[in-house]
């Protein structure tokens, strides 16, 4: 008998717009020690399928209409709440897609990690606070948190997006579950840490004979880690086979479309960068933050040098890629340029005009001309505003629309980012992670800015929508002569879209060059490591790379 056997699962959402068949007659099984990957576009039912196993769906509107999910012979769909609480975190653990909405902002990371150890439902497995803290620090170190003992007392907002995701992985693994559900666990991670996390999951799986269900839109990751793959589309299973059959011998048109959408190779559009005065010029930028990681750090008034003496320029019409590991300072550079965080020293100029010393009110006219797409769409969208209200707000604030054309402009934005017009009245929580990111992109392009700083704008998107959004960005750059800083840990995407690339490490720029020149001849060992860690959508090659 398989460890988990799902048969005929049906989950419908009863909404004010009617019944949505989110999952419709889905069946699969996973054995101990096996990794099953579930792939498909946003909204295909991947996450809903797995959340139902732990009774994590909101009821209403969700309702399980049929099917069974036998875990070690016991039906998860019909067990009591008390029995489900035993399964959660102990036998079955889950790594959620969005770490910021899963971590408690008022409790330190360490306290959240040790909670399941000191309040374990099985008294025989409970640990003292001292032993639990020791175990938590060890696991933080395992998942790549630098200076784990000091970071134990930090809060979620003090971590970068990738570091928060690593904390979520540590939380899921701390009770050594028999089944680990990974919902886009490496979405926010740079390629080197991604490779380490995937290897860590694989090692733990082999050591504990743990089953893994791996939900992902990154087919390169799936190629290297999965034994079997199921492809979902609109709530149904389109294909189910071993990994090599799906990648090399698929006959399904939908699977072929997913594989064809993977970004490969260099940017094909001509470099439209204009000579002369740069649109953005950054000189000796330093952005430091107070270090509150420990009582000693606070007492000594230590500072974290997030950005340390960075100088760069962006020509009008250019797409500049900015890459580096999580915590290297990429996002802080973008936020500093946008004047969203106070800079310690240095200057930022927009088309020759210094903006780094302006007050909030003085910056208002500049906000229309430069916009930002944030890494975490759920945290940057107002949960009380519909999509329509979200997209209308910048148009009205900057006087770019009136009552006669506002509806038409919003509809056009919805079309541009690949969202159905019928969903304009929905709220952010009613969308998948990838769909929420599309809303954020629509809001950023609403004001027709000259500069867009895109902080991981496609990290939460499946490959087909990612391809659409990247092509949309390239099209907008060409039609409106947009300038862009594209921050990403996905080096394949950076290569596909960027004219020039800067590499950051520990707050400093260490290498730069034209995209293809840097790819062909990286000079720094750090850059070489980044490039060698790019996952390939080729099971044989990827397994050889990971094993080496």
Protein backbone atom coordinates (compact mmCIF):
# COMPACT_ATOMS: atom_id res chain seq x y z
CA UNK A 1 0.00 0.00 0.00
CA UNK A 2 1.24 3.50 -0.89
CA UNK A 3 1.89 5.89 1.97
CA UNK A 4 -0.66 8.29 0.43
CA UNK A 5 -3.34 7.19 -2.03
CA UNK A 6 -5.68 9.88 -3.38
CA UNK A 7 -8.60 8.64 -5.43
CA UNK A 8 -11.33 10.58 -7.24
CA UNK A 9 -10.79 13.82 -5.34
CA UNK A 10 -13.32 16.56 -6.14
CA UNK A 11 -13.19 20.03 -4.58
CA UNK A 12 -15.64 22.71 -5.66
CA UNK A 13 -15.78 26.36 -4.60
CA UNK A 14 -19.28 27.72 -4.16
CA UNK A 15 -18.90 31.44 -4.91
CA UNK A 16 -21.25 34.33 -5.63
CA UNK A 17 -20.41 33.84 -9.31
CA UNK A 18 -21.33 30.17 -9.27
CA UNK A 19 -19.58 26.84 -8.69
CA UNK A 20 -15.89 26.57 -9.58
CA UNK A 21 -14.56 23.04 -10.03
CA UNK A 22 -11.10 23.69 -8.59
CA UNK A 23 -10.23 19.96 -8.44
CA UNK A 24 -12.24 17.52 -10.50
CA UNK A 25 -11.66 13.78 -10.17
CA UNK A 26 -7.95 13.80 -9.35
CA UNK A 27 -6.16 10.58 -8.39
CA UNK A 28 -2.51 9.86 -7.56
CA UNK A 29 -0.36 8.00 -5.06
CA UNK A 30 3.05 8.51 -3.46
CA UNK A 31 5.23 5.95 -1.68
CA UNK A 32 7.67 6.40 1.17
CA UNK A 33 10.95 7.71 -0.20
CA UNK A 34 9.34 8.86 -3.46
CA UNK A 35 9.14 12.41 -4.81
CA UNK A 36 6.00 13.23 -6.77
CA UNK A 37 5.97 16.58 -8.58
CA UNK A 38 2.70 18.37 -9.38
CA UNK A 39 3.06 20.97 -12.13
CA UNK A 40 0.66 23.21 -13.98
CA UNK A 41 -0.33 26.83 -14.43
CA UNK A 42 -1.56 29.08 -11.64
CA UNK A 43 -5.14 28.18 -10.78
CA UNK A 44 -4.81 24.62 -12.10
CA UNK A 45 -5.62 23.15 -8.67
CA UNK A 46 -2.14 22.09 -7.53
CA UNK A 47 -2.17 23.81 -4.15
CA UNK A 48 -5.89 23.23 -3.53
CA UNK A 49 -5.35 19.49 -3.99
CA UNK A 50 -2.61 19.37 -1.36
CA UNK A 51 -4.20 21.81 1.10
CA UNK A 52 -7.29 19.60 1.21
CA UNK A 53 -5.17 16.77 2.62
CA UNK A 54 -4.60 18.77 5.82
CA UNK A 55 -8.06 20.40 5.94
CA UNK A 56 -6.56 23.84 5.24
CA UNK A 57 -9.18 25.04 2.76
CA UNK A 58 -11.74 27.66 3.85
CA UNK A 59 -15.16 26.01 4.20
CA UNK A 60 -17.18 27.70 2.79
CA UNK A 61 -16.57 28.46 -0.05
CA UNK A 62 -14.60 25.21 -0.53
CA UNK A 63 -16.39 21.89 -0.28
CA UNK A 64 -15.01 18.41 -0.82
CA UNK A 65 -17.59 16.83 -3.09
CA UNK A 66 -16.07 13.38 -3.32
CA UNK A 67 -13.04 11.11 -3.18
CA UNK A 68 -10.70 9.68 -0.58
CA UNK A 69 -7.15 10.42 0.57
CA UNK A 70 -5.78 7.43 2.44
CA UNK A 71 -2.66 8.15 4.49
CA UNK A 72 -1.25 4.89 5.79
CA UNK A 73 -4.74 3.45 5.34
CA UNK A 74 -6.63 6.27 7.15
CA UNK A 75 -8.83 8.71 5.19
CA UNK A 76 -7.63 12.26 5.77
CA UNK A 77 -10.79 13.72 4.26
CA UNK A 78 -13.12 12.21 6.86
CA UNK A 79 -11.04 12.17 10.06
CA UNK A 80 -11.93 14.27 13.10
CA UNK A 81 -10.35 17.64 13.89
CA UNK A 82 -8.49 16.11 16.83
CA UNK A 83 -7.07 13.38 14.62
CA UNK A 84 -6.16 15.94 11.92
CA UNK A 85 -4.22 17.97 14.50
CA UNK A 86 -2.13 14.86 15.13
CA UNK A 87 -1.32 14.54 11.42
CA UNK A 88 -0.43 18.20 10.92
CA UNK A 89 3.25 18.89 11.39
CA UNK A 90 3.98 15.44 12.80
CA UNK A 91 3.22 12.90 10.07
CA UNK A 92 2.54 15.46 7.34
CA UNK A 93 4.19 18.88 7.07
CA UNK A 94 3.84 21.60 4.48
CA UNK A 95 6.10 24.36 3.21
CA UNK A 96 3.87 27.20 2.04
CA UNK A 97 4.42 29.29 -1.06
CA UNK A 98 4.27 32.69 0.65
CA UNK A 99 6.50 32.84 3.75
CA UNK A 100 5.60 36.37 4.86
CA UNK A 101 1.93 35.50 5.30
CA UNK A 102 2.81 32.24 7.08
CA UNK A 103 5.20 33.66 9.67
CA UNK A 104 3.89 35.54 12.72
CA UNK A 105 5.33 39.09 12.57
CA UNK A 106 4.99 39.56 16.36
CA UNK A 107 6.92 36.45 17.42
CA UNK A 108 10.63 35.84 16.89
CA UNK A 109 11.72 33.24 14.37
CA UNK A 110 13.21 31.11 17.15
CA UNK A 111 9.99 31.04 19.19
CA UNK A 112 8.01 29.97 16.13
CA UNK A 113 10.50 27.18 15.42
CA UNK A 114 10.56 25.69 18.91
CA UNK A 115 6.80 25.86 19.50
CA UNK A 116 5.98 22.45 17.95
CA UNK A 117 8.84 20.85 19.87
CA UNK A 118 7.91 22.04 23.35
CA UNK A 119 4.14 21.61 22.82
CA UNK A 120 4.30 18.37 20.85
CA UNK A 121 1.01 16.39 21.06
CA UNK A 122 3.05 13.26 21.81
CA UNK A 123 4.45 13.91 25.30
CA UNK A 124 7.24 11.40 24.75
CA UNK A 125 8.58 13.57 21.90
CA UNK A 126 8.44 16.90 23.73
CA UNK A 127 11.71 18.72 24.33
CA UNK A 128 12.80 21.20 26.95
CA UNK A 129 13.13 24.81 25.83
CA UNK A 130 16.93 24.51 25.92
CA UNK A 131 17.02 21.35 23.80
CA UNK A 132 14.38 22.70 21.42
CA UNK A 133 16.37 25.92 20.93
CA UNK A 134 19.52 23.93 20.21
CA UNK A 135 17.69 21.81 17.64
CA UNK A 136 16.17 24.92 16.01
CA UNK A 137 19.56 26.63 15.67
CA UNK A 138 21.03 23.48 14.10
CA UNK A 139 18.21 23.35 11.57
CA UNK A 140 18.52 27.06 10.74
CA UNK A 141 22.18 26.44 10.02
CA UNK A 142 21.26 23.41 7.87
CA UNK A 143 18.97 25.48 5.65
CA UNK A 144 21.60 28.15 5.06
CA UNK A 145 20.86 30.90 7.61
CA UNK A 146 24.16 32.68 8.26
CA UNK A 147 24.99 33.22 11.95
CA UNK A 148 22.02 31.07 13.03
CA UNK A 149 22.43 31.62 16.83
CA UNK A 150 22.14 35.39 16.41
CA UNK A 151 19.32 35.19 13.87
CA UNK A 152 17.32 32.92 16.20
CA UNK A 153 15.92 36.00 17.98
CA UNK A 154 15.16 38.02 14.83
CA UNK A 155 11.70 38.70 13.44
CA UNK A 156 10.34 37.90 9.98
CA UNK A 157 10.65 41.47 8.68
CA UNK A 158 14.39 41.40 9.39
CA UNK A 159 14.93 38.63 6.81
CA UNK A 160 15.02 38.85 3.03
CA UNK A 161 12.39 36.97 1.02
CA UNK A 162 14.72 34.05 0.40
CA UNK A 163 15.79 33.83 4.05
CA UNK A 164 12.14 33.79 5.16
CA UNK A 165 11.52 30.85 2.84
CA UNK A 166 14.44 29.00 4.39
CA UNK A 167 12.90 29.55 7.83
CA UNK A 168 9.65 28.03 6.54
CA UNK A 169 11.54 24.97 5.34
CA UNK A 170 13.15 24.60 8.77
CA UNK A 171 9.73 24.84 10.44
CA UNK A 172 8.32 22.11 8.21
CA UNK A 173 11.22 19.73 8.86
CA UNK A 174 11.61 20.25 12.59
CA UNK A 175 9.30 17.36 13.60
CA UNK A 176 10.71 14.97 10.96
CA UNK A 177 7.45 14.27 9.05
CA UNK A 178 6.76 11.15 7.00
CA UNK A 179 5.23 13.18 4.16
CA UNK A 180 6.50 16.63 3.19
CA UNK A 181 4.34 18.80 0.93
CA UNK A 182 6.41 21.52 -0.74
CA UNK A 183 4.32 24.30 -2.28
CA UNK A 184 6.83 26.24 -4.41
CA UNK A 185 9.50 25.92 -1.66
CA UNK A 186 12.35 27.43 -3.68
CA UNK A 187 10.42 30.23 -5.43
CA UNK A 188 12.14 33.02 -3.48
CA UNK A 189 15.59 31.43 -3.35
CA UNK A 190 18.62 32.20 -5.47
CA UNK A 191 20.03 29.35 -7.52
CA UNK A 192 22.89 28.41 -5.20
CA UNK A 193 20.70 28.23 -2.09
CA UNK A 194 17.99 26.54 -4.13
CA UNK A 195 20.43 23.79 -5.03
CA UNK A 196 21.42 23.44 -1.36
CA UNK A 197 17.79 23.25 -0.21
CA UNK A 198 16.87 20.67 -2.83
CA UNK A 199 19.88 18.61 -1.82
CA UNK A 200 18.92 18.99 1.85
CA UNK A 201 15.37 17.80 1.18
CA UNK A 202 16.76 14.88 -0.82
CA UNK A 203 19.17 13.90 1.97
CA UNK A 204 16.47 14.10 4.63
CA UNK A 205 14.15 12.11 2.41
CA UNK A 206 16.69 9.31 1.98
CA UNK A 207 17.67 9.34 5.64
CA UNK A 208 14.06 9.14 6.92
CA UNK A 209 12.43 7.39 3.96
CA UNK A 210 10.20 10.47 3.69
CA UNK A 211 7.71 10.95 0.86
CA UNK A 212 7.67 14.34 -0.87
CA UNK A 213 4.98 16.05 -2.92
CA UNK A 214 6.68 18.88 -4.77
CA UNK A 215 4.44 21.61 -6.24
CA UNK A 216 6.35 23.83 -8.65
CA UNK A 217 6.16 25.89 -11.81
CA UNK A 218 9.94 25.56 -12.27
CA UNK A 219 10.38 22.58 -14.58
CA UNK A 220 14.15 22.76 -14.17
CA UNK A 221 13.77 22.05 -10.45
CA UNK A 222 11.23 19.31 -11.13
CA UNK A 223 13.58 17.65 -13.61
CA UNK A 224 16.27 17.22 -10.98
CA UNK A 225 14.23 16.17 -7.95
CA UNK A 226 11.11 14.26 -9.06
CA UNK A 227 10.66 10.53 -9.58
CA UNK A 228 7.17 10.95 -11.04
CA UNK A 229 5.22 13.92 -12.37
CA UNK A 230 1.54 14.74 -12.72
CA UNK A 231 0.52 17.66 -14.91
CA UNK A 232 -2.65 19.51 -13.90
CA UNK A 233 -4.79 21.87 -15.95
CA UNK A 234 -8.07 23.47 -14.84
CA UNK A 235 -8.53 21.06 -11.96
CA UNK A 236 -7.88 17.84 -13.87
CA UNK A 237 -4.85 15.62 -14.44
CA UNK A 238 -3.64 15.92 -18.03
CA UNK A 239 -0.69 13.59 -17.70
CA UNK A 240 0.84 11.29 -15.09
CA UNK A 241 4.11 9.44 -15.71
CA UNK A 242 7.71 9.08 -14.63
CA UNK A 243 9.81 12.22 -15.00
CA UNK A 244 11.76 11.20 -18.10
CA UNK A 245 8.59 10.23 -19.96
CA UNK A 246 7.02 13.60 -19.27
CA UNK A 247 10.10 15.58 -20.36
CA UNK A 248 11.25 13.46 -23.30
CA UNK A 249 8.24 11.54 -24.61
CA UNK A 250 5.12 13.52 -23.79
CA UNK A 251 2.31 13.48 -26.34
CA UNK A 252 0.06 15.88 -24.43
CA UNK A 253 -0.27 19.31 -26.06
CA UNK A 254 -0.59 21.14 -22.72
CA UNK A 255 2.61 19.59 -21.34
CA UNK A 256 4.40 20.48 -24.56
CA UNK A 257 3.27 24.09 -24.12
CA UNK A 258 4.67 24.18 -20.58
CA UNK A 259 8.03 22.85 -21.73
CA UNK A 260 8.17 25.27 -24.67
CA UNK A 261 7.59 28.26 -22.36
CA UNK A 262 10.82 27.75 -20.37
CA UNK A 263 13.06 30.80 -20.95
CA UNK A 264 16.21 29.75 -22.77
CA UNK A 265 19.07 31.54 -24.40
CA UNK A 266 19.85 35.21 -24.89
CA UNK A 267 17.59 38.20 -25.33
CA UNK A 268 16.45 38.39 -28.94
CA UNK A 269 15.25 42.01 -28.92
CA UNK A 270 17.78 44.67 -29.81
CA UNK A 271 19.33 46.76 -27.06
CA UNK A 272 17.43 50.06 -27.08
CA UNK A 273 19.65 51.83 -24.57
CA UNK A 274 20.27 55.44 -25.55
CA UNK A 275 23.63 57.13 -25.34
CA UNK A 276 24.15 60.28 -23.31
CA UNK A 277 22.63 61.27 -19.98
CA UNK A 278 21.69 58.17 -17.94
CA UNK A 279 18.10 58.06 -16.74
CA UNK A 280 19.28 56.77 -13.35
CA UNK A 281 22.67 57.51 -11.84
CA UNK A 282 23.68 56.13 -8.45
CA UNK A 283 26.91 57.32 -6.86
CA UNK A 284 28.60 55.74 -3.83
CA UNK A 285 25.30 54.57 -2.38
CA UNK A 286 25.37 53.27 1.18
CA UNK A 287 22.27 51.99 2.96
CA UNK A 288 22.87 50.73 6.48
CA UNK A 289 20.37 49.39 8.98
CA UNK A 290 20.61 49.10 12.74
CA UNK A 291 21.39 45.56 13.85
CA UNK A 292 18.83 44.29 16.36
CA UNK A 293 19.76 40.63 16.03
CA UNK A 294 21.07 40.36 19.61
CA UNK A 295 21.24 42.39 22.85
CA UNK A 296 24.97 42.87 22.28
CA UNK A 297 24.39 44.20 18.76
CA UNK A 298 21.78 46.64 20.03
CA UNK A 299 23.99 47.78 22.92
CA UNK A 300 26.96 48.35 20.62
CA UNK A 301 24.73 50.03 17.98
CA UNK A 302 26.06 47.78 15.25
CA UNK A 303 24.92 48.30 11.70
CA UNK A 304 24.13 45.92 8.84
CA UNK A 305 25.75 47.18 5.64
CA UNK A 306 22.97 46.13 3.27
CA UNK A 307 24.38 48.29 0.46
CA UNK A 308 27.98 49.39 0.77
CA UNK A 309 29.40 51.94 -1.69
CA UNK A 310 27.48 50.96 -4.83
CA UNK A 311 27.71 53.07 -7.99
CA UNK A 312 25.79 52.31 -11.16
CA UNK A 313 23.92 53.93 -14.04
CA UNK A 314 20.97 52.90 -16.19
CA UNK A 315 20.62 54.34 -19.68
CA UNK A 316 17.19 55.32 -20.97
CA UNK A 317 15.64 52.33 -22.75
CA UNK A 318 17.98 49.82 -21.09
CA UNK A 319 17.03 46.73 -19.12
CA UNK A 320 19.62 46.26 -16.41
CA UNK A 321 19.70 42.89 -14.62
CA UNK A 322 20.75 42.74 -10.97
CA UNK A 323 21.60 39.30 -9.58
CA UNK A 324 23.06 37.83 -6.42
CA UNK A 325 22.19 35.55 -3.56
CA UNK A 326 19.47 36.31 -1.01
CA UNK A 327 20.70 38.97 1.41
CA UNK A 328 23.25 40.35 -1.07
CA UNK A 329 21.51 43.74 -1.12
CA UNK A 330 19.70 43.55 -4.48
CA UNK A 331 16.27 44.56 -3.20
CA UNK A 332 17.74 47.27 -0.96
CA UNK A 333 19.43 48.85 -3.98
CA UNK A 334 16.08 48.98 -5.75
CA UNK A 335 14.27 50.40 -2.72
CA UNK A 336 17.03 52.96 -2.19
CA UNK A 337 16.71 54.18 -5.78
CA UNK A 338 12.95 54.47 -5.28
CA UNK A 339 13.53 56.34 -2.00
CA UNK A 340 11.48 53.77 -0.09
CA UNK A 341 14.22 53.34 2.51
CA UNK A 342 16.45 56.10 3.93
CA UNK A 343 19.95 55.97 2.48
CA UNK A 344 22.97 56.46 4.72
CA UNK A 345 25.08 58.34 2.17
CA UNK A 346 25.59 58.74 -1.54
CA UNK A 347 23.26 60.12 -4.17
CA UNK A 348 20.54 59.04 -6.63
CA UNK A 349 19.72 61.16 -9.69
CA UNK A 350 16.79 60.80 -12.10
CA UNK A 351 17.58 62.18 -15.56
CA UNK A 352 20.23 64.43 -14.02
CA UNK A 353 18.06 65.70 -11.14
CA UNK A 354 19.07 64.61 -7.61
CA UNK A 355 16.12 62.96 -5.84
CA UNK A 356 17.85 61.38 -2.85
CA UNK A 357 17.43 64.48 -0.66
CA UNK A 358 13.76 65.16 -1.43
CA UNK A 359 10.99 65.00 1.16
CA UNK A 360 7.96 62.73 0.79
CA UNK A 361 5.81 65.53 -0.59
CA UNK A 362 8.54 66.61 -3.02
CA UNK A 363 8.79 63.03 -4.31
CA UNK A 364 5.09 62.81 -5.27
CA UNK A 365 5.57 64.08 -8.89
CA UNK A 366 8.39 61.57 -9.36
CA UNK A 367 6.25 58.60 -8.26
CA UNK A 368 4.34 58.62 -11.54
CA UNK A 369 7.61 58.46 -13.48
CA UNK A 370 9.11 55.53 -11.53
CA UNK A 371 7.25 52.52 -10.22
CA UNK A 372 8.19 49.30 -8.46
CA UNK A 373 6.99 45.72 -8.68
CA UNK A 374 7.58 44.13 -5.30
CA UNK A 375 8.75 40.60 -4.60
CA UNK A 376 5.84 39.62 -2.35
CA UNK A 377 2.51 40.42 -4.05
CA UNK A 378 0.31 39.42 -1.12
CA UNK A 379 2.13 41.80 1.24
CA UNK A 380 2.05 44.68 -1.27
CA UNK A 381 -1.66 44.41 -2.15
CA UNK A 382 -4.35 45.80 0.15
CA UNK A 383 -6.48 42.79 1.19
CA UNK A 384 -9.54 45.07 1.54
CA UNK A 385 -9.36 46.42 -2.00
CA UNK A 386 -10.66 44.61 -5.07
CA UNK A 387 -8.51 44.30 -8.17
CA UNK A 388 -10.53 47.11 -9.73
CA UNK A 389 -9.89 49.42 -6.79
CA UNK A 390 -6.18 48.49 -6.78
CA UNK A 391 -5.73 49.39 -10.44
CA UNK A 392 -7.93 52.49 -10.29
CA UNK A 393 -6.05 54.04 -7.36
CA UNK A 394 -2.82 55.08 -9.18
CA UNK A 395 -4.79 56.25 -12.23
CA UNK A 396 -6.96 58.58 -10.16
CA UNK A 397 -4.18 59.68 -7.82
CA UNK A 398 -2.04 60.90 -10.71
CA UNK A 399 -4.98 62.26 -12.71
CA UNK A 400 -4.54 59.79 -15.58
CA UNK A 401 -8.19 58.75 -15.90
CA UNK A 402 -11.72 60.07 -15.43
CA UNK A 403 -15.16 58.58 -15.00
CA UNK A 404 -15.60 58.27 -18.76
CA UNK A 405 -12.57 56.09 -19.49
CA UNK A 406 -11.58 54.53 -16.15
CA UNK A 407 -13.40 51.24 -16.79
CA UNK A 408 -11.79 50.86 -20.20
CA UNK A 409 -8.30 51.53 -18.84
CA UNK A 410 -8.70 48.96 -16.07
CA UNK A 411 -9.95 46.38 -18.54
CA UNK A 412 -6.93 47.03 -20.77
CA UNK A 413 -4.59 46.55 -17.79
CA UNK A 414 -6.31 43.26 -16.98
CA UNK A 415 -5.79 42.13 -20.57
CA UNK A 416 -2.13 43.21 -20.53
CA UNK A 417 -1.25 41.06 -17.51
CA UNK A 418 -3.35 38.04 -18.50
CA UNK A 419 -6.22 38.27 -16.01
CA UNK A 420 -9.88 37.72 -16.86
CA UNK A 421 -11.92 40.90 -16.88
CA UNK A 422 -14.63 39.08 -14.95
CA UNK A 423 -12.32 38.90 -11.90
CA UNK A 424 -12.06 42.69 -11.46
CA UNK A 425 -14.35 42.65 -8.41
CA UNK A 426 -12.44 39.92 -6.59
CA UNK A 427 -10.07 40.42 -3.65
CA UNK A 428 -6.39 39.33 -3.48
CA UNK A 429 -7.12 36.26 -1.33
CA UNK A 430 -9.33 34.89 -4.12
CA UNK A 431 -6.34 34.58 -6.48
CA UNK A 432 -3.42 32.20 -6.67
CA UNK A 433 0.10 33.46 -5.91
CA UNK A 434 0.93 33.92 -9.58
CA UNK A 435 -2.31 35.76 -10.28
CA UNK A 436 -1.62 38.16 -7.40
CA UNK A 437 1.76 38.97 -8.91
CA UNK A 438 0.05 39.84 -12.19
CA UNK A 439 -2.18 42.29 -10.33
CA UNK A 440 0.93 43.95 -8.88
CA UNK A 441 2.47 44.21 -12.34
CA UNK A 442 -0.71 45.79 -13.69
CA UNK A 443 -0.64 48.39 -10.93
CA UNK A 444 3.00 49.23 -11.70
CA UNK A 445 2.44 49.81 -15.42
CA UNK A 446 -0.82 51.75 -14.85
CA UNK A 447 0.90 55.15 -14.68
CA UNK A 448 2.98 54.51 -17.82
CA UNK A 449 6.23 55.17 -15.92
CA UNK A 450 9.63 55.88 -17.44
CA UNK A 451 11.40 53.58 -14.96
CA UNK A 452 10.25 50.29 -13.45
CA UNK A 453 12.26 48.56 -10.77
CA UNK A 454 11.09 44.96 -10.87
CA UNK A 455 12.00 42.99 -7.73
CA UNK A 456 11.52 39.30 -8.61
CA UNK A 457 8.46 40.11 -10.78
CA UNK A 458 8.01 36.60 -12.19
CA UNK A 459 9.27 34.46 -9.31
CA UNK A 460 5.73 33.40 -8.36
CA UNK A 461 4.50 32.75 -11.90
CA UNK A 462 4.21 29.48 -13.75
CA UNK A 463 6.29 29.15 -16.90
CA UNK A 464 3.58 29.98 -19.44
CA UNK A 465 2.43 33.13 -17.63
CA UNK A 466 6.08 33.96 -16.87
CA UNK A 467 6.79 33.86 -20.60
CA UNK A 468 3.76 36.07 -21.29
CA UNK A 469 4.80 38.61 -18.66
CA UNK A 470 8.42 38.68 -19.84
CA UNK A 471 7.24 39.22 -23.41
CA UNK A 472 4.84 41.89 -22.13
CA UNK A 473 7.72 43.66 -20.35
CA UNK A 474 9.86 43.52 -23.48
CA UNK A 475 6.95 44.81 -25.53
CA UNK A 476 6.32 47.68 -23.10
CA UNK A 477 10.02 48.57 -23.11
CA UNK A 478 9.99 48.73 -26.90
CA UNK A 479 6.66 50.57 -27.36
CA UNK A 480 7.07 53.11 -24.56
CA UNK A 481 10.87 53.28 -24.35
CA UNK A 482 10.69 52.09 -20.74
CA UNK A 483 13.80 51.72 -18.63
CA UNK A 484 14.02 48.88 -16.17
CA UNK A 485 16.09 47.43 -13.39
CA UNK A 486 15.26 43.73 -13.27
CA UNK A 487 16.16 42.11 -9.95
CA UNK A 488 16.04 38.32 -9.94
CA UNK A 489 17.58 35.14 -8.63
CA UNK A 490 16.48 33.30 -11.80
CA UNK A 491 19.51 33.73 -14.02
CA UNK A 492 17.79 32.18 -17.05
CA UNK A 493 15.15 34.91 -16.86
CA UNK A 494 17.81 37.60 -16.39
CA UNK A 495 19.65 36.37 -19.46
CA UNK A 496 16.43 36.28 -21.50
CA UNK A 497 15.43 39.86 -20.71
CA UNK A 498 18.51 41.92 -19.78
CA UNK A 499 20.90 44.00 -21.89
CA UNK A 500 23.49 44.30 -19.13
CA UNK A 501 23.98 42.50 -15.80
CA UNK A 502 25.40 43.54 -12.43
CA UNK A 503 26.38 40.93 -9.84
CA UNK A 504 26.11 41.70 -6.12
CA UNK A 505 27.64 39.96 -3.13
CA UNK A 506 27.36 41.08 0.51
CA UNK A 507 26.23 44.59 -0.32
CA UNK A 508 28.83 45.33 -3.01
CA UNK A 509 28.98 45.11 -6.80
CA UNK A 510 31.64 42.59 -7.76
CA UNK A 511 31.16 42.19 -11.53
CA UNK A 512 29.27 43.73 -14.42
CA UNK A 513 29.10 43.44 -18.16
CA UNK A 514 26.93 42.90 -21.19
CA UNK A 515 24.73 39.88 -20.61
CA UNK A 516 26.20 37.45 -23.15
CA UNK A 517 29.76 38.54 -22.40
CA UNK A 518 29.29 37.83 -18.72
CA UNK A 519 27.63 34.48 -19.43
CA UNK A 520 30.42 33.40 -21.74
CA UNK A 521 33.30 34.65 -19.65
CA UNK A 522 32.53 35.31 -15.97
CA UNK A 523 35.60 36.54 -14.13
CA UNK A 524 34.62 36.17 -10.47
CA UNK A 525 34.39 32.70 -8.83
CA UNK A 526 31.13 33.83 -7.21
CA UNK A 527 29.60 34.58 -10.62
CA UNK A 528 30.80 31.23 -11.95
CA UNK A 529 29.09 29.46 -9.04
CA UNK A 530 25.83 31.28 -9.75
CA UNK A 531 25.89 30.31 -13.41
CA UNK A 532 26.80 26.68 -12.73
CA UNK A 533 23.85 26.32 -10.32
CA UNK A 534 21.15 27.19 -12.91
CA UNK A 535 18.68 24.25 -13.02
CA UNK A 536 18.13 22.63 -16.41
CA UNK A 537 14.81 21.32 -17.74
CA UNK A 538 16.53 18.05 -18.62
CA UNK A 539 16.19 15.20 -16.08
CA UNK A 540 19.37 13.34 -17.08
CA UNK A 541 21.59 16.42 -17.21
CA UNK A 542 20.09 17.88 -14.04
CA UNK A 543 20.61 14.70 -12.01
CA UNK A 544 24.19 14.47 -13.21
CA UNK A 545 24.75 18.11 -12.19
CA UNK A 546 23.18 17.64 -8.75
CA UNK A 547 25.08 14.41 -8.08
CA UNK A 548 28.38 16.13 -8.91
